[in-house]
């Protein structure tokens, strides 16, 4: 995968993490338990930082999410 593709995908991952934090934070804060309110407010407050860290992690880890292979192993020549 090229450098430009990794940068674009890292930005997409960062934006998705940011938006999820902004969406989930208020939902968690509405639970009215003191711990949930603290976690929800923290998610909303630090959504940008978490998005940036997720984008950097995705870029420097080689950019890829892989699922374990199910089924028989491939045949060796």
Protein backbone atom coordinates (compact mmCIF):
# COMPACT_ATOMS: atom_id res chain seq x y z
CA UNK A 1 0.00 0.00 0.00
CA UNK A 2 1.36 3.39 -0.95
CA UNK A 3 2.14 6.24 1.37
CA UNK A 4 -0.73 8.42 0.15
CA UNK A 5 -3.21 5.58 0.61
CA UNK A 6 -1.98 4.98 4.17
CA UNK A 7 -2.31 8.68 5.00
CA UNK A 8 -5.83 8.86 3.58
CA UNK A 9 -6.93 5.73 5.42
CA UNK A 10 -5.35 6.97 8.65
CA UNK A 11 -7.29 10.22 8.35
CA UNK A 12 -10.50 8.28 7.74
CA UNK A 13 -9.86 6.13 10.83
CA UNK A 14 -9.15 9.22 12.91
CA UNK A 15 -12.35 10.94 11.80
CA UNK A 16 -14.42 7.82 12.48
CA UNK A 17 -12.96 7.48 15.99
CA UNK A 18 -13.63 11.18 16.61
CA UNK A 19 -17.25 10.92 15.49
CA UNK A 20 -17.86 7.74 17.48
CA UNK A 21 -16.51 9.40 20.63
CA UNK A 22 -18.77 12.41 20.06
CA UNK A 23 -21.75 10.11 19.54
CA UNK A 24 -21.12 7.62 22.35
CA UNK A 25 -19.96 10.16 24.95
CA UNK A 26 -23.35 11.84 25.51
CA UNK A 27 -25.14 8.48 25.40
CA UNK A 28 -22.92 7.18 28.20
CA UNK A 29 -23.24 10.42 30.16
CA UNK A 30 -27.05 10.10 30.11
CA UNK A 31 -26.87 6.94 32.21
CA UNK A 32 -26.84 9.17 35.33
CA UNK A 33 -24.31 7.03 37.22
CA UNK A 34 -21.40 9.16 38.40
CA UNK A 35 -18.82 6.91 36.74
CA UNK A 36 -20.74 6.87 33.44
CA UNK A 37 -21.09 10.66 33.46
CA UNK A 38 -17.35 11.00 34.04
CA UNK A 39 -16.50 8.59 31.22
CA UNK A 40 -18.99 10.22 28.83
CA UNK A 41 -17.68 13.71 29.52
CA UNK A 42 -14.11 12.46 29.12
CA UNK A 43 -14.94 10.90 25.73
CA UNK A 44 -16.48 14.14 24.48
CA UNK A 45 -13.64 16.28 25.86
CA UNK A 46 -10.82 14.16 24.44
CA UNK A 47 -12.48 12.96 21.22
CA UNK A 48 -10.00 14.91 19.09
CA UNK A 49 -6.98 13.52 20.91
CA UNK A 50 -8.32 9.97 20.66
CA UNK A 51 -8.99 10.44 16.94
CA UNK A 52 -5.48 11.75 16.39
CA UNK A 53 -3.94 8.87 18.34
CA UNK A 54 -6.01 6.35 16.38
CA UNK A 55 -4.91 7.89 13.08
CA UNK A 56 -1.25 7.84 14.12
CA UNK A 57 -1.55 4.24 15.32
CA UNK A 58 -3.17 3.18 12.04
CA UNK A 59 -0.51 4.94 9.96
CA UNK A 60 2.54 3.69 11.85
CA UNK A 61 1.24 0.15 12.38
CA UNK A 62 1.25 -0.42 8.64
CA UNK A 63 -2.40 0.35 8.14
CA UNK A 64 -4.47 -2.72 8.27
CA UNK A 65 -7.02 -4.61 10.24
CA UNK A 66 -6.90 -8.34 9.65
CA UNK A 67 -9.25 -11.00 10.83
CA UNK A 68 -8.04 -14.47 11.70
CA UNK A 69 -8.28 -16.93 8.85
CA UNK A 70 -11.05 -19.46 9.29
CA UNK A 71 -10.94 -22.84 7.67
CA UNK A 72 -8.13 -25.16 6.70
CA UNK A 73 -4.62 -23.77 6.31
CA UNK A 74 -3.44 -23.07 2.76
CA UNK A 75 -1.66 -25.93 0.99
CA UNK A 76 2.11 -25.67 0.79
CA UNK A 77 3.75 -26.37 -2.60
